[in-house]
């Protein structure tokens, strides 16, 4: 049985983000449904979303710190 995954929004443009676990670049294509809030919070340009509104934060902001390269 698979759990339903709620989409936070649909992309209107192709975006480049970092995988939150492996810290590798990920390309999300226009038309894709974004369901991971950590990926969604990296997409800050409202024009990248079909509704031109970034999805509402469903969780409290991440307290993670970026690891130096």
PDB file of N, CA and C in Angstrom:
ATOM      1  N   UNK A   1       0.844  -1.168   0.000  1.00  0.00           N
ATOM      2  CA  UNK A   1       0.000   0.000   0.000  1.00  0.00           C
ATOM      3  C   UNK A   1       0.894   1.237   0.000  1.00  0.00           C
ATOM      4  N   UNK A   2       0.632   2.165  -0.905  1.00  0.00           N
ATOM      5  CA  UNK A   2       1.438   3.380  -0.974  1.00  0.00           C
ATOM      6  C   UNK A   2       0.702   4.530  -0.307  1.00  0.00           C
ATOM      7  N   UNK A   3       1.460   5.373   0.348  1.00  0.00           N
ATOM      8  CA  UNK A   3       0.879   6.536   1.004  1.00  0.00           C
ATOM      9  C   UNK A   3       0.704   7.651  -0.016  1.00  0.00           C
ATOM     10  N   UNK A   4      -0.384   8.380   0.100  1.00  0.00           N
ATOM     11  CA  UNK A   4      -0.622   9.504  -0.801  1.00  0.00           C
ATOM     12  C   UNK A   4       0.350  10.630  -0.462  1.00  0.00           C
ATOM     13  N   UNK A   5       0.957  11.203  -1.485  1.00  0.00           N
ATOM     14  CA  UNK A   5       1.895  12.297  -1.296  1.00  0.00           C
ATOM     15  C   UNK A   5       1.244  13.555  -1.842  1.00  0.00           C
ATOM     16  N   UNK A   6       1.102  14.555  -0.988  1.00  0.00           N
ATOM     17  CA  UNK A   6       0.456  15.797  -1.387  1.00  0.00           C
ATOM     18  C   UNK A   6       1.455  16.699  -2.105  1.00  0.00           C
ATOM     19  N   UNK A   7       1.069  17.158  -3.278  1.00  0.00           N
ATOM     20  CA  UNK A   7       1.901  18.076  -4.045  1.00  0.00           C
ATOM     21  C   UNK A   7       1.793  19.475  -3.440  1.00  0.00           C
ATOM     22  N   UNK A   8       2.935  20.132  -3.283  1.00  0.00           N
ATOM     23  CA  UNK A   8       2.949  21.500  -2.763  1.00  0.00           C
ATOM     24  C   UNK A   8       2.727  22.519  -3.869  1.00  0.00           C
ATOM     25  N   UNK A   9       2.989  22.125  -5.095  1.00  0.00           N
ATOM     26  CA  UNK A   9       2.814  23.014  -6.223  1.00  0.00           C
ATOM     27  C   UNK A   9       3.360  22.394  -7.491  1.00  0.00           C
ATOM     28  N   UNK A  10       3.027  23.029  -8.612  1.00  0.00           N
ATOM     29  CA  UNK A  10       3.481  22.572  -9.919  1.00  0.00           C
ATOM     30  C   UNK A  10       4.416  23.633 -10.482  1.00  0.00           C
ATOM     31  N   UNK A  11       5.525  23.178 -11.032  1.00  0.00           N
ATOM     32  CA  UNK A  11       6.515  24.106 -11.569  1.00  0.00           C
ATOM     33  C   UNK A  11       6.118  24.612 -12.952  1.00  0.00           C
ATOM     34  N   UNK A  12       6.350  25.898 -13.177  1.00  0.00           N
ATOM     35  CA  UNK A  12       6.113  26.517 -14.478  1.00  0.00           C
ATOM     36  C   UNK A  12       7.422  26.660 -15.247  1.00  0.00           C
ATOM     37  N   UNK A  13       8.536  26.409 -14.574  1.00  0.00           N
ATOM     38  CA  UNK A  13       9.858  26.541 -15.191  1.00  0.00           C
ATOM     39  C   UNK A  13      10.768  25.444 -14.654  1.00  0.00           C
ATOM     40  N   UNK A  14      11.816  25.156 -15.388  1.00  0.00           N
ATOM     41  CA  UNK A  14      12.819  24.206 -14.931  1.00  0.00           C
ATOM     42  C   UNK A  14      13.692  24.899 -13.889  1.00  0.00           C
ATOM     43  N   UNK A  15      13.954  24.203 -12.783  1.00  0.00           N
ATOM     44  CA  UNK A  15      14.761  24.779 -11.704  1.00  0.00           C
ATOM     45  C   UNK A  15      15.863  23.809 -11.307  1.00  0.00           C
ATOM     46  N   UNK A  16      16.909  24.361 -10.720  1.00  0.00           N
ATOM     47  CA  UNK A  16      18.035  23.576 -10.210  1.00  0.00           C
ATOM     48  C   UNK A  16      18.074  23.769  -8.700  1.00  0.00           C
ATOM     49  N   UNK A  17      18.056  22.676  -7.949  1.00  0.00           N
ATOM     50  CA  UNK A  17      18.111  22.711  -6.497  1.00  0.00           C
ATOM     51  C   UNK A  17      19.121  21.674  -6.019  1.00  0.00           C
ATOM     52  N   UNK A  18      19.359  21.636  -4.709  1.00  0.00           N
ATOM     53  CA  UNK A  18      20.261  20.636  -4.136  1.00  0.00           C
ATOM     54  C   UNK A  18      19.450  19.595  -3.378  1.00  0.00           C
ATOM     55  N   UNK A  19      19.799  18.327  -3.583  1.00  0.00           N
ATOM     56  CA  UNK A  19      19.181  17.248  -2.828  1.00  0.00           C
ATOM     57  C   UNK A  19      19.499  17.483  -1.353  1.00  0.00           C
ATOM     58  N   UNK A  20      18.489  17.478  -0.475  1.00  0.00           N
ATOM     59  CA  UNK A  20      18.733  17.813   0.933  1.00  0.00           C
ATOM     60  C   UNK A  20      19.573  16.779   1.679  1.00  0.00           C
ATOM     61  N   UNK A  21      19.616  15.557   1.231  1.00  0.00           N
ATOM     62  CA  UNK A  21      20.360  14.510   1.928  1.00  0.00           C
ATOM     63  C   UNK A  21      21.759  14.353   1.346  1.00  0.00           C
ATOM     64  N   UNK A  22      21.832  14.168   0.034  1.00  0.00           N
ATOM     65  CA  UNK A  22      23.123  13.895  -0.610  1.00  0.00           C
ATOM     66  C   UNK A  22      23.861  15.159  -1.042  1.00  0.00           C
ATOM     67  N   UNK A  23      23.181  16.313  -1.017  1.00  0.00           N
ATOM     68  CA  UNK A  23      23.773  17.603  -1.405  1.00  0.00           C
ATOM     69  C   UNK A  23      24.335  17.579  -2.816  1.00  0.00           C
ATOM     70  N   UNK A  24      23.599  16.928  -3.729  1.00  0.00           N
ATOM     71  CA  UNK A  24      23.976  16.915  -5.137  1.00  0.00           C
ATOM     72  C   UNK A  24      22.933  17.701  -5.918  1.00  0.00           C
ATOM     73  N   UNK A  25      23.316  18.295  -7.049  1.00  0.00           N
ATOM     74  CA  UNK A  25      22.356  19.063  -7.844  1.00  0.00           C
ATOM     75  C   UNK A  25      21.238  18.175  -8.400  1.00  0.00           C
ATOM     76  N   UNK A  26      20.025  18.725  -8.383  1.00  0.00           N
ATOM     77  CA  UNK A  26      18.846  18.048  -8.916  1.00  0.00           C
ATOM     78  C   UNK A  26      18.153  19.026  -9.856  1.00  0.00           C
ATOM     79  N   UNK A  27      17.725  18.543 -11.015  1.00  0.00           N
ATOM     80  CA  UNK A  27      16.994  19.369 -11.966  1.00  0.00           C
ATOM     81  C   UNK A  27      15.530  18.946 -11.920  1.00  0.00           C
ATOM     82  N   UNK A  28      14.646  19.907 -11.625  1.00  0.00           N
ATOM     83  CA  UNK A  28      13.205  19.668 -11.634  1.00  0.00           C
ATOM     84  C   UNK A  28      12.647  20.375 -12.865  1.00  0.00           C
ATOM     85  N   UNK A  29      11.902  19.658 -13.678  1.00  0.00           N
ATOM     86  CA  UNK A  29      11.410  20.189 -14.946  1.00  0.00           C
ATOM     87  C   UNK A  29      10.059  20.862 -14.809  1.00  0.00           C
ATOM     88  N   UNK A  30       9.785  21.789 -15.714  1.00  0.00           N
ATOM     89  CA  UNK A  30       8.485  22.453 -15.758  1.00  0.00           C
ATOM     90  C   UNK A  30       7.392  21.398 -15.878  1.00  0.00           C
ATOM     91  N   UNK A  31       6.311  21.575 -15.120  1.00  0.00           N
ATOM     92  CA  UNK A  31       5.200  20.634 -15.129  1.00  0.00           C
ATOM     93  C   UNK A  31       5.276  19.599 -14.023  1.00  0.00           C
ATOM     94  N   UNK A  32       6.432  19.496 -13.354  1.00  0.00           N
ATOM     95  CA  UNK A  32       6.577  18.524 -12.270  1.00  0.00           C
ATOM     96  C   UNK A  32       5.869  19.019 -11.011  1.00  0.00           C
ATOM     97  N   UNK A  33       5.297  18.074 -10.278  1.00  0.00           N
ATOM     98  CA  UNK A  33       4.693  18.355  -8.982  1.00  0.00           C
ATOM     99  C   UNK A  33       5.783  18.235  -7.926  1.00  0.00           C
ATOM    100  N   UNK A  34       5.919  19.253  -7.092  1.00  0.00           N
ATOM    101  CA  UNK A  34       6.915  19.238  -6.023  1.00  0.00           C
ATOM    102  C   UNK A  34       6.203  18.869  -4.732  1.00  0.00           C
ATOM    103  N   UNK A  35       6.638  17.780  -4.100  1.00  0.00           N
ATOM    104  CA  UNK A  35       6.000  17.332  -2.864  1.00  0.00           C
ATOM    105  C   UNK A  35       6.926  17.414  -1.654  1.00  0.00           C
ATOM    106  N   UNK A  36       8.206  17.657  -1.873  1.00  0.00           N
ATOM    107  CA  UNK A  36       9.167  17.745  -0.780  1.00  0.00           C
ATOM    108  C   UNK A  36       9.304  19.205  -0.335  1.00  0.00           C
ATOM    109  N   UNK A  37       8.915  19.518   0.908  1.00  0.00           N
ATOM    110  CA  UNK A  37       8.993  20.908   1.365  1.00  0.00           C
ATOM    111  C   UNK A  37      10.409  21.470   1.394  1.00  0.00           C
ATOM    112  N   UNK A  38      11.422  20.623   1.591  1.00  0.00           N
ATOM    113  CA  UNK A  38      12.810  21.093   1.615  1.00  0.00           C
ATOM    114  C   UNK A  38      13.230  21.534   0.220  1.00  0.00           C
ATOM    115  N   UNK A  39      12.781  20.829  -0.802  1.00  0.00           N
ATOM    116  CA  UNK A  39      13.068  21.254  -2.175  1.00  0.00           C
ATOM    117  C   UNK A  39      12.274  22.513  -2.510  1.00  0.00           C
ATOM    118  N   UNK A  40      11.012  22.551  -2.110  1.00  0.00           N
ATOM    119  CA  UNK A  40      10.154  23.696  -2.424  1.00  0.00           C
ATOM    120  C   UNK A  40      10.679  24.987  -1.816  1.00  0.00           C
ATOM    121  N   UNK A  41      11.247  24.917  -0.616  1.00  0.00           N
ATOM    122  CA  UNK A  41      11.733  26.147   0.011  1.00  0.00           C
ATOM    123  C   UNK A  41      12.977  26.692  -0.683  1.00  0.00           C
ATOM    124  N   UNK A  42      13.659  25.873  -1.485  1.00  0.00           N
ATOM    125  CA  UNK A  42      14.816  26.344  -2.247  1.00  0.00           C
ATOM    126  C   UNK A  42      14.395  27.133  -3.486  1.00  0.00           C
ATOM    127  N   UNK A  43      13.149  26.988  -3.914  1.00  0.00           N
ATOM    128  CA  UNK A  43      12.657  27.660  -5.122  1.00  0.00           C
ATOM    129  C   UNK A  43      12.009  28.969  -4.678  1.00  0.00           C
ATOM    130  N   UNK A  44      12.780  30.041  -4.728  1.00  0.00           N
ATOM    131  CA  UNK A  44      12.339  31.315  -4.170  1.00  0.00           C
ATOM    132  C   UNK A  44      11.732  32.268  -5.186  1.00  0.00           C
ATOM    133  N   UNK A  45      11.933  32.013  -6.466  1.00  0.00           N
ATOM    134  CA  UNK A  45      11.370  32.886  -7.497  1.00  0.00           C
ATOM    135  C   UNK A  45       9.908  32.503  -7.739  1.00  0.00           C
ATOM    136  N   UNK A  46       8.956  33.398  -7.465  1.00  0.00           N
ATOM    137  CA  UNK A  46       7.538  33.062  -7.640  1.00  0.00           C
ATOM    138  C   UNK A  46       7.170  32.718  -9.082  1.00  0.00           C
ATOM    139  N   UNK A  47       7.945  33.187 -10.053  1.00  0.00           N
ATOM    140  CA  UNK A  47       7.647  32.888 -11.460  1.00  0.00           C
ATOM    141  C   UNK A  47       7.903  31.426 -11.808  1.00  0.00           C
ATOM    142  N   UNK A  48       8.581  30.707 -10.941  1.00  0.00           N
ATOM    143  CA  UNK A  48       8.848  29.282 -11.187  1.00  0.00           C
ATOM    144  C   UNK A  48       7.634  28.410 -10.902  1.00  0.00           C
ATOM    145  N   UNK A  49       6.644  28.937 -10.198  1.00  0.00           N
ATOM    146  CA  UNK A  49       5.446  28.189  -9.845  1.00  0.00           C
ATOM    147  C   UNK A  49       4.309  28.540 -10.789  1.00  0.00           C
ATOM    148  N   UNK A  50       3.483  27.557 -11.147  1.00  0.00           N
ATOM    149  CA  UNK A  50       2.359  27.809 -12.054  1.00  0.00           C
ATOM    150  C   UNK A  50       1.432  28.884 -11.508  1.00  0.00           C
ATOM    151  N   UNK A  51       1.205  28.880 -10.209  1.00  0.00           N
ATOM    152  CA  UNK A  51       0.304  29.869  -9.616  1.00  0.00           C
ATOM    153  C   UNK A  51       1.014  31.186  -9.338  1.00  0.00           C
ATOM    154  N   UNK A  52       2.315  31.244  -9.615  1.00  0.00           N
ATOM    155  CA  UNK A  52       3.186  32.391  -9.321  1.00  0.00           C
ATOM    156  C   UNK A  52       3.171  32.747  -7.841  1.00  0.00           C
ATOM    157  N   UNK A  53       2.835  31.782  -7.011  1.00  0.00           N
ATOM    158  CA  UNK A  53       2.910  31.930  -5.562  1.00  0.00           C
ATOM    159  C   UNK A  53       3.681  30.739  -5.018  1.00  0.00           C
ATOM    160  N   UNK A  54       4.746  30.976  -4.261  1.00  0.00           N
ATOM    161  CA  UNK A  54       5.441  29.842  -3.676  1.00  0.00           C
ATOM    162  C   UNK A  54       4.507  29.114  -2.714  1.00  0.00           C
ATOM    163  N   UNK A  55       4.654  27.810  -2.589  1.00  0.00           N
ATOM    164  CA  UNK A  55       3.783  27.081  -1.673  1.00  0.00           C
ATOM    165  C   UNK A  55       3.953  27.561  -0.245  1.00  0.00           C
ATOM    166  N   UNK A  56       2.867  27.520   0.516  1.00  0.00           N
ATOM    167  CA  UNK A  56       2.917  27.936   1.909  1.00  0.00           C
ATOM    168  C   UNK A  56       3.766  26.960   2.704  1.00  0.00           C
ATOM    169  N   UNK A  57       4.501  27.473   3.657  1.00  0.00           N
ATOM    170  CA  UNK A  57       5.315  26.618   4.516  1.00  0.00           C
ATOM    171  C   UNK A  57       4.387  25.751   5.345  1.00  0.00           C
ATOM    172  N   UNK A  58       4.528  24.433   5.240  1.00  0.00           N
ATOM    173  CA  UNK A  58       3.699  23.530   6.015  1.00  0.00           C
ATOM    174  C   UNK A  58       4.402  23.107   7.296  1.00  0.00           C
ATOM    175  N   UNK A  59       5.667  23.396   7.393  1.00  0.00           N
ATOM    176  CA  UNK A  59       6.420  23.059   8.596  1.00  0.00           C
ATOM    177  C   UNK A  59       7.230  24.267   9.020  1.00  0.00           C
ATOM    178  N   UNK A  60       7.753  24.200  10.228  1.00  0.00           N
ATOM    179  CA  UNK A  60       8.569  25.316  10.684  1.00  0.00           C
ATOM    180  C   UNK A  60       9.862  25.378   9.878  1.00  0.00           C
ATOM    181  N   UNK A  61      10.458  26.548   9.730  1.00  0.00           N
ATOM    182  CA  UNK A  61      11.682  26.681   8.949  1.00  0.00           C
ATOM    183  C   UNK A  61      12.786  25.758   9.453  1.00  0.00           C
ATOM    184  N   UNK A  62      13.572  25.306   8.533  1.00  0.00           N
ATOM    185  CA  UNK A  62      14.655  24.374   8.849  1.00  0.00           C
ATOM    186  C   UNK A  62      15.748  25.078   9.651  1.00  0.00           C
ATOM    187  N   UNK A  63      16.256  24.391  10.656  1.00  0.00           N
ATOM    188  CA  UNK A  63      17.331  24.950  11.466  1.00  0.00           C
ATOM    189  C   UNK A  63      18.679  24.399  11.023  1.00  0.00           C
ATOM    190  N   UNK A  64      18.696  23.709   9.878  1.00  0.00           N
ATOM    191  CA  UNK A  64      19.937  23.135   9.376  1.00  0.00           C
ATOM    192  C   UNK A  64      20.898  24.198   8.920  1.00  0.00           C
ATOM    193  N   UNK A  65      22.154  23.933   9.104  1.00  0.00           N
ATOM    194  CA  UNK A  65      23.185  24.827   8.600  1.00  0.00           C
ATOM    195  C   UNK A  65      23.891  24.138   7.457  1.00  0.00           C
ATOM    196  N   UNK A  66      24.251  24.908   6.463  1.00  0.00           N
ATOM    197  CA  UNK A  66      24.944  24.353   5.302  1.00  0.00           C
ATOM    198  C   UNK A  66      26.343  23.933   5.708  1.00  0.00           C
ATOM    199  N   UNK A  67      26.767  22.799   5.182  1.00  0.00           N
ATOM    200  CA  UNK A  67      28.132  22.329   5.433  1.00  0.00           C
ATOM    201  C   UNK A  67      29.083  23.064   4.498  1.00  0.00           C
ATOM    202  N   UNK A  68      30.204  23.540   5.012  1.00  0.00           N
ATOM    203  CA  UNK A  68      31.152  24.202   4.111  1.00  0.00           C
ATOM    204  C   UNK A  68      31.715  23.210   3.108  1.00  0.00           C
ATOM    205  N   UNK A  69      31.936  23.688   1.910  1.00  0.00           N
ATOM    206  CA  UNK A  69      32.434  22.816   0.838  1.00  0.00           C
ATOM    207  C   UNK A  69      33.884  22.489   1.000  1.00  0.00           C
TER     208      UNK A  69
END
